[in-house]
Amino acid sequence: MMAERWRDIDDEIESAKRHFNAAIRILDRAPADLATTEGYDAAMAFQHAMLAGYTSFENAVKRILVFIGEELPIGPDWHATFLRRISKPLPNRRPGLIGPQLFKAALDLMRFRHVAMHNYDGFEFDRAALTIRSAKTFVSLIDAELATFRAAIDPD
């Protein structure tokens, strides 16, 4: 049964990486003028890919927390609480799930998720550079950090 749970988690992480990589490609090809139909399409596609990437990551980590019997955070700031919690070890229970560099990237990706959800008409491609760096950091670090976490909590 544990193998199936890890497969579900791995599928969510693969989905996150696929969406973040798509967002990176979309931004690379985006037209300079967002007022055009092509610019609008690129802005919407980019924002949705980033939103889907972060949501897939969050879903993977929710699965992990439920799997290990840890309560999910609640309250209006639960997304930020969630990231802070998974970045820290719980003594005698589990190590931190993500390290400082991935935490910083995930925090930025979470913030952009809010932009994508609530600010469609105010989006500016030139301000997306930080978010793209964070997406690249996420894609480059997530597999190794999850493998380290898994080895610590489920060594078989």
C-alpha atoms as a PDB file:
ATOM      1  CA  MET A   1       0.000   0.000   0.000  1.00  0.00           C
ATOM      2  CA  MET A   2       2.872   2.395   0.701  1.00  0.00           C
ATOM      3  CA  ALA A   3       4.123   1.993  -2.862  1.00  0.00           C
ATOM      4  CA  GLU A   4       0.764   3.135  -4.241  1.00  0.00           C
ATOM      5  CA  ARG A   5       0.766   6.179  -1.975  1.00  0.00           C
ATOM      6  CA  TRP A   6       4.267   7.149  -3.066  1.00  0.00           C
ATOM      7  CA  ARG A   7       3.267   6.645  -6.706  1.00  0.00           C
ATOM      8  CA  ASP A   8       0.382   9.093  -6.219  1.00  0.00           C
ATOM      9  CA  ILE A   9       2.775  11.589  -4.627  1.00  0.00           C
ATOM     10  CA  ASP A  10       5.297  11.109  -7.432  1.00  0.00           C
ATOM     11  CA  ASP A  11       2.536  11.653 -10.016  1.00  0.00           C
ATOM     12  CA  GLU A  12       1.597  14.971  -8.384  1.00  0.00           C
ATOM     13  CA  ILE A  13       5.252  16.079  -8.361  1.00  0.00           C
ATOM     14  CA  GLU A  14       5.664  15.117 -12.024  1.00  0.00           C
ATOM     15  CA  SER A  15       2.563  17.159 -12.773  1.00  0.00           C
ATOM     16  CA  ALA A  16       4.004  20.153 -10.907  1.00  0.00           C
ATOM     17  CA  LYS A  17       7.265  19.941 -12.839  1.00  0.00           C
ATOM     18  CA  ARG A  18       5.422  19.562 -16.169  1.00  0.00           C
ATOM     19  CA  HIS A  19       3.328  22.673 -15.477  1.00  0.00           C
ATOM     20  CA  PHE A  20       6.292  24.756 -14.272  1.00  0.00           C
ATOM     21  CA  ASN A  21       8.353  23.732 -17.307  1.00  0.00           C
ATOM     22  CA  ALA A  22       5.431  24.676 -19.564  1.00  0.00           C
ATOM     23  CA  ALA A  23       5.205  28.084 -17.864  1.00  0.00           C
ATOM     24  CA  ILE A  24       8.914  28.635 -18.495  1.00  0.00           C
ATOM     25  CA  ARG A  25       8.460  27.792 -22.200  1.00  0.00           C
ATOM     26  CA  ILE A  26       5.389  30.029 -22.468  1.00  0.00           C
ATOM     27  CA  LEU A  27       7.229  32.996 -20.985  1.00  0.00           C
ATOM     28  CA  ASP A  28      10.210  32.433 -23.286  1.00  0.00           C
ATOM     29  CA  ARG A  29       7.893  32.640 -26.334  1.00  0.00           C
ATOM     30  CA  ALA A  30       5.577  35.384 -25.091  1.00  0.00           C
ATOM     31  CA  PRO A  31       5.124  38.434 -27.296  1.00  0.00           C
ATOM     32  CA  ALA A  32       6.254  41.775 -25.954  1.00  0.00           C
ATOM     33  CA  ASP A  33       2.817  43.314 -26.381  1.00  0.00           C
ATOM     34  CA  LEU A  34       0.237  41.866 -24.016  1.00  0.00           C
ATOM     35  CA  ALA A  35      -2.476  43.952 -25.680  1.00  0.00           C
ATOM     36  CA  THR A  36      -2.501  41.559 -28.639  1.00  0.00           C
ATOM     37  CA  THR A  37      -4.532  38.373 -28.779  1.00  0.00           C
ATOM     38  CA  GLU A  38      -1.287  36.385 -28.663  1.00  0.00           C
ATOM     39  CA  GLY A  39      -0.139  38.350 -25.620  1.00  0.00           C
ATOM     40  CA  TYR A  40      -3.400  37.727 -23.819  1.00  0.00           C
ATOM     41  CA  ASP A  41      -3.255  34.018 -24.624  1.00  0.00           C
ATOM     42  CA  ALA A  42       0.343  33.781 -23.405  1.00  0.00           C
ATOM     43  CA  ALA A  43      -0.407  35.657 -20.172  1.00  0.00           C
ATOM     44  CA  MET A  44      -3.391  33.439 -19.388  1.00  0.00           C
ATOM     45  CA  ALA A  45      -1.545  30.241 -20.284  1.00  0.00           C
ATOM     46  CA  PHE A  46       1.476  31.261 -18.211  1.00  0.00           C
ATOM     47  CA  GLN A  47      -0.596  32.122 -15.158  1.00  0.00           C
ATOM     48  CA  HIS A  48      -2.626  28.938 -15.391  1.00  0.00           C
ATOM     49  CA  ALA A  49       0.475  26.764 -15.793  1.00  0.00           C
ATOM     50  CA  MET A  50       2.059  28.382 -12.732  1.00  0.00           C
ATOM     51  CA  LEU A  51      -1.165  27.973 -10.732  1.00  0.00           C
ATOM     52  CA  ALA A  52      -1.467  24.314 -11.767  1.00  0.00           C
ATOM     53  CA  GLY A  53       2.189  23.663 -10.937  1.00  0.00           C
ATOM     54  CA  TYR A  54       1.928  25.048  -7.439  1.00  0.00           C
ATOM     55  CA  THR A  55      -1.402  23.323  -6.795  1.00  0.00           C
ATOM     56  CA  SER A  56       0.085  19.976  -7.851  1.00  0.00           C
ATOM     57  CA  PHE A  57       3.012  20.502  -5.469  1.00  0.00           C
ATOM     58  CA  GLU A  58       0.675  21.407  -2.630  1.00  0.00           C
ATOM     59  CA  ASN A  59      -1.468  18.341  -3.340  1.00  0.00           C
ATOM     60  CA  ALA A  60       1.600  16.082  -3.230  1.00  0.00           C
ATOM     61  CA  VAL A  61       2.652  17.456   0.140  1.00  0.00           C
ATOM     62  CA  LYS A  62      -0.895  17.213   1.500  1.00  0.00           C
ATOM     63  CA  ARG A  63      -0.821  13.539   0.547  1.00  0.00           C
ATOM     64  CA  ILE A  64       2.457  13.119   2.421  1.00  0.00           C
ATOM     65  CA  LEU A  65       1.155  14.801   5.558  1.00  0.00           C
ATOM     66  CA  VAL A  66      -2.018  12.732   5.565  1.00  0.00           C
ATOM     67  CA  PHE A  67       0.063   9.610   4.879  1.00  0.00           C
ATOM     68  CA  ILE A  68       2.255  10.240   7.941  1.00  0.00           C
ATOM     69  CA  GLY A  69      -0.689  11.216  10.147  1.00  0.00           C
ATOM     70  CA  GLU A  70       0.013  14.931  10.408  1.00  0.00           C
ATOM     71  CA  GLU A  71      -2.855  17.400  10.525  1.00  0.00           C
ATOM     72  CA  LEU A  72      -3.140  19.932   7.730  1.00  0.00           C
ATOM     73  CA  PRO A  73      -2.991  23.585   8.781  1.00  0.00           C
ATOM     74  CA  ILE A  74      -6.177  25.606   8.972  1.00  0.00           C
ATOM     75  CA  GLY A  75      -7.032  29.292   8.924  1.00  0.00           C
ATOM     76  CA  PRO A  76      -6.868  32.104   6.409  1.00  0.00           C
ATOM     77  CA  ASP A  77      -3.067  31.903   6.124  1.00  0.00           C
ATOM     78  CA  TRP A  78      -2.916  28.111   5.851  1.00  0.00           C
ATOM     79  CA  HIS A  79      -0.910  28.174   2.593  1.00  0.00           C
ATOM     80  CA  ALA A  80       1.974  30.068   4.227  1.00  0.00           C
ATOM     81  CA  THR A  81       1.696  28.049   7.441  1.00  0.00           C
ATOM     82  CA  PHE A  82       1.815  24.896   5.334  1.00  0.00           C
ATOM     83  CA  LEU A  83       5.121  25.898   3.711  1.00  0.00           C
ATOM     84  CA  ARG A  84       6.693  26.985   6.983  1.00  0.00           C
ATOM     85  CA  ARG A  85       5.676  23.746   8.641  1.00  0.00           C
ATOM     86  CA  ILE A  86       7.008  21.435   5.930  1.00  0.00           C
ATOM     87  CA  SER A  87      10.325  23.289   5.890  1.00  0.00           C
ATOM     88  CA  LYS A  88      11.007  22.458   9.543  1.00  0.00           C
ATOM     89  CA  PRO A  89      11.613  19.117  11.212  1.00  0.00           C
ATOM     90  CA  LEU A  90       9.280  17.829  13.876  1.00  0.00           C
ATOM     91  CA  PRO A  91      11.609  16.428  16.544  1.00  0.00           C
ATOM     92  CA  ASN A  92      11.320  12.667  16.965  1.00  0.00           C
ATOM     93  CA  ARG A  93       8.704  12.516  14.159  1.00  0.00           C
ATOM     94  CA  ARG A  94      10.098  13.628  10.821  1.00  0.00           C
ATOM     95  CA  PRO A  95      12.755  15.756   9.155  1.00  0.00           C
ATOM     96  CA  GLY A  96      11.887  18.892   7.243  1.00  0.00           C
ATOM     97  CA  LEU A  97      10.416  18.018   3.884  1.00  0.00           C
ATOM     98  CA  ILE A  98      12.052  20.878   1.971  1.00  0.00           C
ATOM     99  CA  GLY A  99      15.260  22.764   2.587  1.00  0.00           C
ATOM    100  CA  PRO A 100      15.782  26.537   2.783  1.00  0.00           C
ATOM    101  CA  GLN A 101      16.378  27.117  -0.932  1.00  0.00           C
ATOM    102  CA  LEU A 102      13.311  25.148  -1.992  1.00  0.00           C
ATOM    103  CA  PHE A 103      11.275  26.793   0.793  1.00  0.00           C
ATOM    104  CA  LYS A 104      12.158  30.232  -0.587  1.00  0.00           C
ATOM    105  CA  ALA A 105      11.230  29.156  -4.120  1.00  0.00           C
ATOM    106  CA  ALA A 106       7.978  27.544  -2.977  1.00  0.00           C
ATOM    107  CA  LEU A 107       7.059  30.675  -1.020  1.00  0.00           C
ATOM    108  CA  ASP A 108       7.457  32.772  -4.161  1.00  0.00           C
ATOM    109  CA  LEU A 109       5.455  30.249  -6.196  1.00  0.00           C
ATOM    110  CA  MET A 110       2.702  30.341  -3.566  1.00  0.00           C
ATOM    111  CA  ARG A 111       2.610  34.131  -3.780  1.00  0.00           C
ATOM    112  CA  PHE A 112       2.357  33.981  -7.563  1.00  0.00           C
ATOM    113  CA  ARG A 113      -0.504  31.511  -7.186  1.00  0.00           C
ATOM    114  CA  HIS A 114      -2.382  34.315  -5.448  1.00  0.00           C
ATOM    115  CA  VAL A 115      -1.617  36.692  -8.336  1.00  0.00           C
ATOM    116  CA  ALA A 116      -2.816  34.127 -10.868  1.00  0.00           C
ATOM    117  CA  MET A 117      -6.026  33.588  -8.911  1.00  0.00           C
ATOM    118  CA  HIS A 118      -6.902  37.244  -8.334  1.00  0.00           C
ATOM    119  CA  ASN A 119      -5.124  39.635 -10.692  1.00  0.00           C
ATOM    120  CA  TYR A 120      -5.590  38.591 -14.321  1.00  0.00           C
ATOM    121  CA  ASP A 121      -5.787  42.087 -15.778  1.00  0.00           C
ATOM    122  CA  GLY A 122      -2.787  43.406 -13.867  1.00  0.00           C
ATOM    123  CA  PHE A 123      -0.305  40.757 -14.978  1.00  0.00           C
ATOM    124  CA  GLU A 124       3.035  42.002 -16.340  1.00  0.00           C
ATOM    125  CA  PHE A 125       5.468  39.553 -17.964  1.00  0.00           C
ATOM    126  CA  ASP A 126       8.498  41.659 -17.078  1.00  0.00           C
ATOM    127  CA  ARG A 127       7.741  41.135 -13.372  1.00  0.00           C
ATOM    128  CA  ALA A 128       7.637  37.343 -13.754  1.00  0.00           C
ATOM    129  CA  ALA A 129      11.429  36.833 -13.801  1.00  0.00           C
ATOM    130  CA  LEU A 130      11.647  36.054 -10.060  1.00  0.00           C
ATOM    131  CA  THR A 131       8.808  33.577 -10.334  1.00  0.00           C
ATOM    132  CA  ILE A 132      10.500  31.846 -13.268  1.00  0.00           C
ATOM    133  CA  ARG A 133      13.732  31.545 -11.253  1.00  0.00           C
ATOM    134  CA  SER A 134      11.699  30.019  -8.456  1.00  0.00           C
ATOM    135  CA  ALA A 135      10.042  27.563 -10.844  1.00  0.00           C
ATOM    136  CA  LYS A 136      13.469  26.536 -12.170  1.00  0.00           C
ATOM    137  CA  THR A 137      14.752  26.105  -8.609  1.00  0.00           C
ATOM    138  CA  PHE A 138      11.722  23.991  -7.753  1.00  0.00           C
ATOM    139  CA  VAL A 139      12.181  21.728 -10.780  1.00  0.00           C
ATOM    140  CA  SER A 140      15.896  21.294 -10.072  1.00  0.00           C
ATOM    141  CA  LEU A 141      15.577  20.505  -6.330  1.00  0.00           C
ATOM    142  CA  ILE A 142      12.261  18.790  -5.645  1.00  0.00           C
ATOM    143  CA  ASP A 143      13.153  15.221  -6.642  1.00  0.00           C
ATOM    144  CA  ALA A 144      16.297  15.038  -4.515  1.00  0.00           C
ATOM    145  CA  GLU A 145      14.664  16.665  -1.493  1.00  0.00           C
ATOM    146  CA  LEU A 146      11.661  14.350  -1.618  1.00  0.00           C
ATOM    147  CA  ALA A 147      13.950  11.333  -2.042  1.00  0.00           C
ATOM    148  CA  THR A 148      15.902  12.365   1.059  1.00  0.00           C
ATOM    149  CA  PHE A 149      12.679  12.864   3.026  1.00  0.00           C
ATOM    150  CA  ARG A 150      11.259   9.539   1.864  1.00  0.00           C
ATOM    151  CA  ALA A 151      14.452   7.683   2.788  1.00  0.00           C
ATOM    152  CA  ALA A 152      14.248   9.139   6.292  1.00  0.00           C
ATOM    153  CA  ILE A 153      10.593   8.265   6.957  1.00  0.00           C
ATOM    154  CA  ASP A 154      10.157   5.148   4.795  1.00  0.00           C
ATOM    155  CA  PRO A 155      13.560   3.486   4.382  1.00  0.00           C
ATOM    156  CA  ASP A 156      12.188   0.278   2.849  1.00  0.00           C
END
